[in-house]
Amino acid sequence: MRRRDALLLPPALAAAAASAQDGAAGGAVDLLLVLAVDASGSIDADEFRLQREGCAEALTHPAVLSAIGSGPRAAIGVAMVEWGAPGGAATVVGWHRVAGSGDAGVLARAVVDAPRSRQSWNAIGDALDHAAALIAAAPWAARERVIDLSGDAPDMRSINPVEIARGAAAAQGIIVNALAIEGGRPGLTRTYEETVIAGDGAFVMTADSRADFARALRAKLIREIA
């Protein structure tokens, strides 16, 4: 990424992109993937821990690593965003290149150890905008670019409405997939199908509860990577 381009990004994104670029190894990857994870006030501390541990478990699972290794470059780029507050989505784990179990382990540890960002409400549109900007600032090129948004509620307080944000992401060639954590909100999968996903082949995966998150995310990652 050129310095001139970095100056056009919000400071937090520019810093994350520069840091990731400094540590980058190699050129293009098969996939750029942003995990956009719900950290809003509806998620208590135990649920938050289950969610973080579920992400780490999925990213290091042998089936996911096998899917990564089957690609032409056998490498993907992954970053993690937490969302909730209107305009407050935050990059909690910058770009990591994953090309094997060692890389996946480093990423998983970063996911578990990252401090929780301060979030409230449910601003999905703003989360998609933040994730799309993060992809634009990625230190590697990739033909496939995906935002993987997970949550337990519909959009509520976005500054930029989700229908506009998802359309803008799709116009940039980014696929928006979703993972609906149904729990006490039956019908969320259908809501995400109608209001969140975008792009060719976009889909929604369902987790029955927070405890089912790792299983659902693992299946989703395999489908996205393969």
C-alpha atoms as a PDB file:
ATOM      1  CA  MET A   1       0.000   0.000   0.000  1.00  0.00           C
ATOM      2  CA  ARG A   2       1.362   3.410  -0.974  1.00  0.00           C
ATOM      3  CA  ARG A   3       1.837   6.093   1.663  1.00  0.00           C
ATOM      4  CA  ARG A   4      -0.519   8.402  -0.187  1.00  0.00           C
ATOM      5  CA  ASP A   5      -3.278   5.777  -0.005  1.00  0.00           C
ATOM      6  CA  ALA A   6      -2.645   5.177   3.701  1.00  0.00           C
ATOM      7  CA  LEU A   7      -3.236   8.857   4.419  1.00  0.00           C
ATOM      8  CA  LEU A   8      -6.768   8.513   3.048  1.00  0.00           C
ATOM      9  CA  LEU A   9      -7.695   5.865   5.632  1.00  0.00           C
ATOM     10  CA  PRO A  10      -8.905   6.435   9.195  1.00  0.00           C
ATOM     11  CA  PRO A  11      -5.811   6.483  11.469  1.00  0.00           C
ATOM     12  CA  ALA A  12      -6.588   3.131  13.112  1.00  0.00           C
ATOM     13  CA  LEU A  13      -6.962   1.382   9.753  1.00  0.00           C
ATOM     14  CA  ALA A  14      -3.874   3.030   8.302  1.00  0.00           C
ATOM     15  CA  ALA A  15      -1.790   1.937  11.286  1.00  0.00           C
ATOM     16  CA  ALA A  16      -3.113  -1.628  11.144  1.00  0.00           C
ATOM     17  CA  ALA A  17      -2.451  -1.859   7.420  1.00  0.00           C
ATOM     18  CA  ALA A  18       1.070  -0.474   7.749  1.00  0.00           C
ATOM     19  CA  SER A  19       1.865  -2.863  10.599  1.00  0.00           C
ATOM     20  CA  ALA A  20       0.575  -5.851   8.676  1.00  0.00           C
ATOM     21  CA  GLN A  21       2.482  -4.818   5.554  1.00  0.00           C
ATOM     22  CA  ASP A  22       5.723  -4.540   7.499  1.00  0.00           C
ATOM     23  CA  GLY A  23       5.319  -8.144   8.653  1.00  0.00           C
ATOM     24  CA  ALA A  24       3.954  -9.536   5.403  1.00  0.00           C
ATOM     25  CA  ALA A  25       5.647 -12.472   3.745  1.00  0.00           C
ATOM     26  CA  GLY A  26       5.053 -13.084   0.073  1.00  0.00           C
ATOM     27  CA  GLY A  27       2.686 -11.500  -2.408  1.00  0.00           C
ATOM     28  CA  ALA A  28      -0.871 -12.481  -3.279  1.00  0.00           C
ATOM     29  CA  VAL A  29      -3.108 -14.777  -1.246  1.00  0.00           C
ATOM     30  CA  ASP A  30      -6.100 -16.854  -2.308  1.00  0.00           C
ATOM     31  CA  LEU A  31      -8.571 -15.037  -0.068  1.00  0.00           C
ATOM     32  CA  LEU A  32      -8.849 -11.893   2.033  1.00  0.00           C
ATOM     33  CA  LEU A  33     -11.250 -12.611   4.877  1.00  0.00           C
ATOM     34  CA  VAL A  34     -12.535 -10.191   7.524  1.00  0.00           C
ATOM     35  CA  LEU A  35     -14.256 -11.811  10.486  1.00  0.00           C
ATOM     36  CA  ALA A  36     -16.738  -9.137  11.613  1.00  0.00           C
ATOM     37  CA  VAL A  37     -17.868 -10.287  15.056  1.00  0.00           C
ATOM     38  CA  ASP A  38     -20.730  -8.934  17.158  1.00  0.00           C
ATOM     39  CA  ALA A  39     -19.450  -7.377  20.410  1.00  0.00           C
ATOM     40  CA  SER A  40     -22.569  -5.379  21.255  1.00  0.00           C
ATOM     41  CA  GLY A  41     -24.106  -5.019  24.690  1.00  0.00           C
ATOM     42  CA  SER A  42     -26.330  -8.073  24.211  1.00  0.00           C
ATOM     43  CA  ILE A  43     -23.276 -10.335  24.634  1.00  0.00           C
ATOM     44  CA  ASP A  44     -22.175 -10.982  28.206  1.00  0.00           C
ATOM     45  CA  ALA A  45     -18.647 -11.919  29.281  1.00  0.00           C
ATOM     46  CA  ASP A  46     -19.170 -15.679  29.106  1.00  0.00           C
ATOM     47  CA  GLU A  47     -20.772 -15.468  25.665  1.00  0.00           C
ATOM     48  CA  PHE A  48     -17.961 -13.210  24.497  1.00  0.00           C
ATOM     49  CA  ARG A  49     -15.367 -15.743  25.664  1.00  0.00           C
ATOM     50  CA  LEU A  50     -17.189 -18.572  23.887  1.00  0.00           C
ATOM     51  CA  GLN A  51     -17.249 -16.478  20.717  1.00  0.00           C
ATOM     52  CA  ARG A  52     -13.534 -15.648  20.818  1.00  0.00           C
ATOM     53  CA  GLU A  53     -12.586 -19.252  21.633  1.00  0.00           C
ATOM     54  CA  GLY A  54     -14.887 -20.442  18.856  1.00  0.00           C
ATOM     55  CA  CYS A  55     -13.065 -18.242  16.348  1.00  0.00           C
ATOM     56  CA  ALA A  56      -9.680 -19.552  17.514  1.00  0.00           C
ATOM     57  CA  GLU A  57     -10.860 -23.161  17.364  1.00  0.00           C
ATOM     58  CA  ALA A  58     -12.286 -22.770  13.872  1.00  0.00           C
ATOM     59  CA  LEU A  59      -9.178 -21.047  12.490  1.00  0.00           C
ATOM     60  CA  THR A  60      -6.879 -23.840  13.703  1.00  0.00           C
ATOM     61  CA  HIS A  61      -9.103 -26.802  12.828  1.00  0.00           C
ATOM     62  CA  PRO A  62      -7.441 -29.383  10.534  1.00  0.00           C
ATOM     63  CA  ALA A  63     -10.307 -29.204   8.042  1.00  0.00           C
ATOM     64  CA  VAL A  64      -9.913 -25.425   7.734  1.00  0.00           C
ATOM     65  CA  LEU A  65      -6.131 -25.741   7.355  1.00  0.00           C
ATOM     66  CA  SER A  66      -6.673 -28.388   4.683  1.00  0.00           C
ATOM     67  CA  ALA A  67      -8.981 -26.028   2.792  1.00  0.00           C
ATOM     68  CA  ILE A  68      -6.351 -23.287   2.970  1.00  0.00           C
ATOM     69  CA  GLY A  69      -3.654 -25.654   1.726  1.00  0.00           C
ATOM     70  CA  SER A  70      -5.761 -26.709  -1.253  1.00  0.00           C
ATOM     71  CA  GLY A  71      -5.725 -23.242  -2.835  1.00  0.00           C
ATOM     72  CA  PRO A  72      -3.343 -22.218  -5.645  1.00  0.00           C
ATOM     73  CA  ARG A  73      -1.233 -20.129  -3.248  1.00  0.00           C
ATOM     74  CA  ALA A  74      -2.045 -22.184  -0.136  1.00  0.00           C
ATOM     75  CA  ALA A  75      -2.411 -18.961   1.880  1.00  0.00           C
ATOM     76  CA  ILE A  76      -5.151 -16.582   2.982  1.00  0.00           C
ATOM     77  CA  GLY A  77      -5.208 -13.240   4.777  1.00  0.00           C
ATOM     78  CA  VAL A  78      -7.406 -12.867   7.860  1.00  0.00           C
ATOM     79  CA  ALA A  79      -8.312  -9.879  10.040  1.00  0.00           C
ATOM     80  CA  MET A  80     -10.886  -9.519  12.797  1.00  0.00           C
ATOM     81  CA  VAL A  81     -13.286  -6.637  13.443  1.00  0.00           C
ATOM     82  CA  GLU A  82     -15.668  -6.140  16.350  1.00  0.00           C
ATOM     83  CA  TRP A  83     -18.823  -4.172  15.762  1.00  0.00           C
ATOM     84  CA  GLY A  84     -21.859  -2.844  17.568  1.00  0.00           C
ATOM     85  CA  ALA A  85     -21.794   0.902  18.238  1.00  0.00           C
ATOM     86  CA  PRO A  86     -22.889   3.256  15.441  1.00  0.00           C
ATOM     87  CA  GLY A  87     -19.694   4.255  13.650  1.00  0.00           C
ATOM     88  CA  GLY A  88     -17.683   2.371  16.260  1.00  0.00           C
ATOM     89  CA  ALA A  89     -16.555  -0.821  14.541  1.00  0.00           C
ATOM     90  CA  ALA A  90     -12.949  -1.574  15.528  1.00  0.00           C
ATOM     91  CA  THR A  91     -10.139  -3.697  14.102  1.00  0.00           C
ATOM     92  CA  VAL A  92      -9.067  -5.859  17.057  1.00  0.00           C
ATOM     93  CA  VAL A  93      -6.719  -8.168  15.095  1.00  0.00           C
ATOM     94  CA  GLY A  94      -4.889  -6.781  12.066  1.00  0.00           C
ATOM     95  CA  TRP A  95      -4.045  -8.717   8.937  1.00  0.00           C
ATOM     96  CA  HIS A  96      -2.376 -12.102   9.407  1.00  0.00           C
ATOM     97  CA  ARG A  97      -1.154 -14.281   6.563  1.00  0.00           C
ATOM     98  CA  VAL A  98      -2.124 -17.906   7.233  1.00  0.00           C
ATOM     99  CA  ALA A  99      -0.247 -20.562   5.268  1.00  0.00           C
ATOM    100  CA  GLY A 100      -0.120 -23.427   7.754  1.00  0.00           C
ATOM    101  CA  SER A 101      -0.718 -24.529  11.316  1.00  0.00           C
ATOM    102  CA  GLY A 102       1.999 -22.287  12.761  1.00  0.00           C
ATOM    103  CA  ASP A 103       0.481 -19.154  11.259  1.00  0.00           C
ATOM    104  CA  ALA A 104      -2.993 -20.267  12.331  1.00  0.00           C
ATOM    105  CA  GLY A 105      -1.780 -20.752  15.895  1.00  0.00           C
ATOM    106  CA  VAL A 106      -0.329 -17.248  16.014  1.00  0.00           C
ATOM    107  CA  LEU A 107      -3.588 -15.820  14.672  1.00  0.00           C
ATOM    108  CA  ALA A 108      -5.678 -17.843  17.124  1.00  0.00           C
ATOM    109  CA  ARG A 109      -3.643 -16.548  20.058  1.00  0.00           C
ATOM    110  CA  ALA A 110      -4.056 -12.967  18.812  1.00  0.00           C
ATOM    111  CA  VAL A 111      -7.825 -13.508  18.581  1.00  0.00           C
ATOM    112  CA  VAL A 112      -8.082 -14.866  22.127  1.00  0.00           C
ATOM    113  CA  ASP A 113      -5.782 -12.230  23.661  1.00  0.00           C
ATOM    114  CA  ALA A 114      -7.092  -9.078  21.950  1.00  0.00           C
ATOM    115  CA  PRO A 115      -8.844  -6.683  24.369  1.00  0.00           C
ATOM    116  CA  ARG A 116     -12.594  -6.406  23.889  1.00  0.00           C
ATOM    117  CA  SER A 117     -13.606  -3.224  22.113  1.00  0.00           C
ATOM    118  CA  ARG A 118     -16.297  -0.965  23.559  1.00  0.00           C
ATOM    119  CA  GLN A 119     -19.516  -1.497  21.650  1.00  0.00           C
ATOM    120  CA  SER A 120     -23.270  -1.031  22.017  1.00  0.00           C
ATOM    121  CA  TRP A 121     -26.402  -1.513  19.929  1.00  0.00           C
ATOM    122  CA  ASN A 122     -26.211  -3.166  16.501  1.00  0.00           C
ATOM    123  CA  ALA A 123     -24.812  -1.116  13.629  1.00  0.00           C
ATOM    124  CA  ILE A 124     -24.261  -3.700  10.899  1.00  0.00           C
ATOM    125  CA  GLY A 125     -24.041  -1.180   8.054  1.00  0.00           C
ATOM    126  CA  ASP A 126     -21.153   0.621   9.737  1.00  0.00           C
ATOM    127  CA  ALA A 127     -19.457  -2.725  10.393  1.00  0.00           C
ATOM    128  CA  LEU A 128     -19.581  -3.564   6.681  1.00  0.00           C
ATOM    129  CA  ASP A 129     -18.149  -0.151   5.771  1.00  0.00           C
ATOM    130  CA  HIS A 130     -15.263  -0.633   8.207  1.00  0.00           C
ATOM    131  CA  ALA A 131     -14.538  -4.158   6.963  1.00  0.00           C
ATOM    132  CA  ALA A 132     -14.606  -3.065   3.308  1.00  0.00           C
ATOM    133  CA  ALA A 133     -12.103  -0.288   4.067  1.00  0.00           C
ATOM    134  CA  LEU A 134      -9.887  -2.799   5.856  1.00  0.00           C
ATOM    135  CA  ILE A 135      -9.925  -5.050   2.776  1.00  0.00           C
ATOM    136  CA  ALA A 136      -9.021  -2.078   0.567  1.00  0.00           C
ATOM    137  CA  ALA A 137      -5.978  -1.477   2.810  1.00  0.00           C
ATOM    138  CA  ALA A 138      -4.834  -5.110   2.915  1.00  0.00           C
ATOM    139  CA  PRO A 139      -1.126  -5.738   2.241  1.00  0.00           C
ATOM    140  CA  TRP A 140      -1.809  -8.560  -0.239  1.00  0.00           C
ATOM    141  CA  ALA A 141      -3.834  -8.912  -3.403  1.00  0.00           C
ATOM    142  CA  ALA A 142      -6.527 -11.594  -3.686  1.00  0.00           C
ATOM    143  CA  ARG A 143      -9.151 -12.511  -6.245  1.00  0.00           C
ATOM    144  CA  GLU A 144     -11.566 -13.558  -3.495  1.00  0.00           C
ATOM    145  CA  ARG A 145     -12.525 -11.001  -0.841  1.00  0.00           C
ATOM    146  CA  VAL A 146     -15.063 -11.827   1.835  1.00  0.00           C
ATOM    147  CA  ILE A 147     -16.642 -10.151   4.856  1.00  0.00           C
ATOM    148  CA  ASP A 148     -17.857 -12.814   7.271  1.00  0.00           C
ATOM    149  CA  LEU A 149     -20.311 -11.077   9.622  1.00  0.00           C
ATOM    150  CA  SER A 150     -21.693 -12.865  12.666  1.00  0.00           C
ATOM    151  CA  GLY A 151     -24.314 -11.589  15.077  1.00  0.00           C
ATOM    152  CA  ASP A 152     -27.363 -12.315  17.221  1.00  0.00           C
ATOM    153  CA  ALA A 153     -29.617  -9.418  16.154  1.00  0.00           C
ATOM    154  CA  PRO A 154     -30.587  -7.390  13.071  1.00  0.00           C
ATOM    155  CA  ASP A 155     -29.282  -3.951  12.147  1.00  0.00           C
ATOM    156  CA  MET A 156     -30.607  -1.286  14.514  1.00  0.00           C
ATOM    157  CA  ARG A 157     -28.558   1.937  14.672  1.00  0.00           C
ATOM    158  CA  SER A 158     -26.251   2.154  11.654  1.00  0.00           C
ATOM    159  CA  ILE A 159     -25.188   5.608  10.547  1.00  0.00           C
ATOM    160  CA  ASN A 160     -24.946   4.172   7.037  1.00  0.00           C
ATOM    161  CA  PRO A 161     -27.938   1.849   6.515  1.00  0.00           C
ATOM    162  CA  VAL A 162     -27.018  -1.781   5.968  1.00  0.00           C
ATOM    163  CA  GLU A 163     -28.726  -1.934   2.567  1.00  0.00           C
ATOM    164  CA  ILE A 164     -26.439   0.838   1.304  1.00  0.00           C
ATOM    165  CA  ALA A 165     -23.305  -0.590   2.937  1.00  0.00           C
ATOM    166  CA  ARG A 166     -23.788  -4.104   1.593  1.00  0.00           C
ATOM    167  CA  GLY A 167     -24.475  -2.717  -1.885  1.00  0.00           C
ATOM    168  CA  ALA A 168     -21.261  -0.672  -1.763  1.00  0.00           C
ATOM    169  CA  ALA A 169     -19.265  -3.729  -0.665  1.00  0.00           C
ATOM    170  CA  ALA A 170     -20.713  -5.836  -3.477  1.00  0.00           C
ATOM    171  CA  ALA A 171     -19.908  -3.073  -5.975  1.00  0.00           C
ATOM    172  CA  GLN A 172     -16.248  -3.428  -4.927  1.00  0.00           C
ATOM    173  CA  GLY A 173     -16.370  -7.161  -5.662  1.00  0.00           C
ATOM    174  CA  ILE A 174     -16.584  -8.121  -1.972  1.00  0.00           C
ATOM    175  CA  ILE A 175     -18.859 -10.988  -0.940  1.00  0.00           C
ATOM    176  CA  VAL A 176     -20.743 -10.486   2.321  1.00  0.00           C
ATOM    177  CA  ASN A 177     -21.659 -13.720   4.105  1.00  0.00           C
ATOM    178  CA  ALA A 178     -23.297 -13.996   7.514  1.00  0.00           C
ATOM    179  CA  LEU A 179     -23.550 -16.276  10.508  1.00  0.00           C
ATOM    180  CA  ALA A 180     -26.834 -15.878  12.391  1.00  0.00           C
ATOM    181  CA  ILE A 181     -26.717 -16.848  16.078  1.00  0.00           C
ATOM    182  CA  GLU A 182     -30.394 -17.660  16.495  1.00  0.00           C
ATOM    183  CA  GLY A 183     -30.591 -18.254  20.272  1.00  0.00           C
ATOM    184  CA  GLY A 184     -33.654 -16.409  21.509  1.00  0.00           C
ATOM    185  CA  ARG A 185     -34.264 -14.673  18.190  1.00  0.00           C
ATOM    186  CA  PRO A 186     -35.850 -17.203  15.784  1.00  0.00           C
ATOM    187  CA  GLY A 187     -35.942 -16.026  12.190  1.00  0.00           C
ATOM    188  CA  LEU A 188     -32.622 -14.182  12.293  1.00  0.00           C
ATOM    189  CA  THR A 189     -31.225 -16.367   9.519  1.00  0.00           C
ATOM    190  CA  ARG A 190     -33.990 -15.220   7.197  1.00  0.00           C
ATOM    191  CA  THR A 191     -33.432 -11.599   8.249  1.00  0.00           C
ATOM    192  CA  TYR A 192     -29.733 -11.832   7.421  1.00  0.00           C
ATOM    193  CA  GLU A 193     -30.547 -13.479   4.076  1.00  0.00           C
ATOM    194  CA  GLU A 194     -32.810 -10.572   3.193  1.00  0.00           C
ATOM    195  CA  THR A 195     -30.830  -7.651   4.620  1.00  0.00           C
ATOM    196  CA  VAL A 196     -27.130  -8.459   5.126  1.00  0.00           C
ATOM    197  CA  ILE A 197     -25.582 -10.822   2.580  1.00  0.00           C
ATOM    198  CA  ALA A 198     -24.478  -9.591  -0.838  1.00  0.00           C
ATOM    199  CA  GLY A 199     -22.476 -10.719  -3.866  1.00  0.00           C
ATOM    200  CA  ASP A 200     -22.391 -13.811  -6.050  1.00  0.00           C
ATOM    201  CA  GLY A 201     -22.849 -16.989  -4.030  1.00  0.00           C
ATOM    202  CA  ALA A 202     -23.340 -15.173  -0.703  1.00  0.00           C
ATOM    203  CA  PHE A 203     -24.910 -17.291   2.023  1.00  0.00           C
ATOM    204  CA  VAL A 204     -25.985 -17.413   5.672  1.00  0.00           C
ATOM    205  CA  MET A 205     -24.956 -20.129   8.134  1.00  0.00           C
ATOM    206  CA  THR A 206     -26.927 -20.683  11.347  1.00  0.00           C
ATOM    207  CA  ALA A 207     -25.643 -21.318  14.876  1.00  0.00           C
ATOM    208  CA  ASP A 208     -28.326 -22.515  17.261  1.00  0.00           C
ATOM    209  CA  SER A 209     -26.616 -20.832  20.215  1.00  0.00           C
ATOM    210  CA  ARG A 210     -23.354 -19.193  21.257  1.00  0.00           C
ATOM    211  CA  ALA A 211     -22.074 -22.663  22.233  1.00  0.00           C
ATOM    212  CA  ASP A 212     -22.706 -23.795  18.641  1.00  0.00           C
ATOM    213  CA  PHE A 213     -20.674 -20.888  17.253  1.00  0.00           C
ATOM    214  CA  ALA A 214     -17.389 -22.775  16.703  1.00  0.00           C
ATOM    215  CA  ARG A 215     -19.076 -25.578  14.785  1.00  0.00           C
ATOM    216  CA  ALA A 216     -20.999 -23.184  12.553  1.00  0.00           C
ATOM    217  CA  LEU A 217     -18.018 -20.901  11.934  1.00  0.00           C
ATOM    218  CA  ARG A 218     -15.783 -23.853  11.080  1.00  0.00           C
ATOM    219  CA  ALA A 219     -18.273 -25.081   8.476  1.00  0.00           C
ATOM    220  CA  LYS A 220     -18.609 -21.551   7.144  1.00  0.00           C
ATOM    221  CA  LEU A 221     -14.851 -21.020   6.829  1.00  0.00           C
ATOM    222  CA  ILE A 222     -14.396 -24.281   4.947  1.00  0.00           C
ATOM    223  CA  ARG A 223     -17.109 -23.267   2.485  1.00  0.00           C
ATOM    224  CA  GLU A 224     -15.661 -19.778   2.030  1.00  0.00           C
ATOM    225  CA  ILE A 225     -12.065 -20.918   1.603  1.00  0.00           C
ATOM    226  CA  ALA A 226     -12.842 -23.860  -0.665  1.00  0.00           C
END
